[in-house]
């Protein structure tokens, strides 16, 4: 199960998550960051440093943010 970056990142896009990810699974898109679910090891390092609390484990993504689960996947399908 991967972590997912949700809508608060769109207004922040700070990048601390990229710096702490031990497997380099977070990439920058045009307006936010995305986590590659095939590479994420579920360590939680990114979640702990997100200044806007935009990162959730997939099972805990708020219902109103569910579209971001697919958006993160699609970003890496390419």
Protein backbone atom coordinates (compact mmCIF):
# COMPACT_ATOMS: atom_id res chain seq x y z
CA UNK A 1 0.00 0.00 0.00
CA UNK A 2 1.45 3.34 -1.05
CA UNK A 3 1.22 6.83 0.30
CA UNK A 4 -0.79 9.35 -1.75
CA UNK A 5 -0.30 13.11 -2.14
CA UNK A 6 -3.60 15.03 -2.12
CA UNK A 7 -4.93 18.50 -2.97
CA UNK A 8 -3.23 20.60 -0.24
CA UNK A 9 0.03 20.06 -2.14
CA UNK A 10 -1.36 22.09 -5.06
CA UNK A 11 -1.24 25.28 -3.03
CA UNK A 12 2.04 24.51 -1.25
CA UNK A 13 4.34 22.30 -3.35
CA UNK A 14 7.07 22.62 -0.72
CA UNK A 15 9.18 19.57 -1.57
CA UNK A 16 10.38 18.39 1.84
CA UNK A 17 8.89 15.00 0.97
CA UNK A 18 11.27 14.57 -1.96
CA UNK A 19 14.28 15.26 0.23
CA UNK A 20 13.44 12.58 2.82
CA UNK A 21 12.19 9.77 0.56
CA UNK A 22 14.70 6.88 0.83
CA UNK A 23 13.61 5.28 -2.48
CA UNK A 24 13.14 8.40 -4.64
CA UNK A 25 9.50 7.59 -5.44
CA UNK A 26 8.27 11.21 -5.33
CA UNK A 27 8.40 13.33 -8.46
CA UNK A 28 7.41 16.88 -9.23
CA UNK A 29 4.54 17.51 -11.62
CA UNK A 30 3.33 20.78 -13.11
CA UNK A 31 1.35 21.85 -10.05
CA UNK A 32 2.07 19.30 -7.30
CA UNK A 33 4.19 16.30 -6.30
CA UNK A 34 3.23 12.67 -6.92
CA UNK A 35 4.19 9.36 -5.28
CA UNK A 36 4.86 6.33 -7.48
CA UNK A 37 2.79 3.55 -5.85
CA UNK A 38 4.98 0.84 -7.41
CA UNK A 39 8.13 2.16 -5.74
CA UNK A 40 6.80 3.52 -2.42
CA UNK A 41 7.88 1.34 0.53
CA UNK A 42 5.32 2.81 2.95
CA UNK A 43 7.96 4.13 5.35
CA UNK A 44 6.01 7.31 6.22
CA UNK A 45 9.01 9.65 6.03
CA UNK A 46 7.21 11.91 3.55
CA UNK A 47 4.03 12.10 5.61
CA UNK A 48 5.94 13.25 8.68
CA UNK A 49 7.55 16.25 6.94
CA UNK A 50 4.66 17.52 4.80
CA UNK A 51 3.94 21.09 5.98
CA UNK A 52 0.33 21.02 4.76
CA UNK A 53 -0.56 17.42 5.73
CA UNK A 54 -1.29 16.46 2.12
CA UNK A 55 0.11 12.91 2.35
CA UNK A 56 -1.93 9.91 3.46
CA UNK A 57 -1.54 6.14 3.37
CA UNK A 58 -3.86 4.97 0.57
CA UNK A 59 -6.46 3.41 2.92
CA UNK A 60 -6.70 6.64 4.92
CA UNK A 61 -7.14 9.15 2.08
CA UNK A 62 -10.22 11.26 2.95
CA UNK A 63 -13.24 10.44 0.78
CA UNK A 64 -13.24 13.91 -0.79
CA UNK A 65 -9.62 13.34 -1.87
CA UNK A 66 -10.06 9.84 -3.38
CA UNK A 67 -9.47 11.11 -6.93
CA UNK A 68 -5.83 11.72 -5.97
CA UNK A 69 -5.21 7.99 -5.56
CA UNK A 70 -5.74 7.55 -9.29
CA UNK A 71 -4.00 10.84 -10.18
CA UNK A 72 -0.81 9.65 -8.45
CA UNK A 73 -0.97 6.33 -10.35
CA UNK A 74 -1.68 7.96 -13.71
CA UNK A 75 1.24 10.38 -13.34
CA UNK A 76 3.66 7.45 -13.51
CA UNK A 77 1.92 5.52 -16.31
CA UNK A 78 3.26 7.84 -18.75
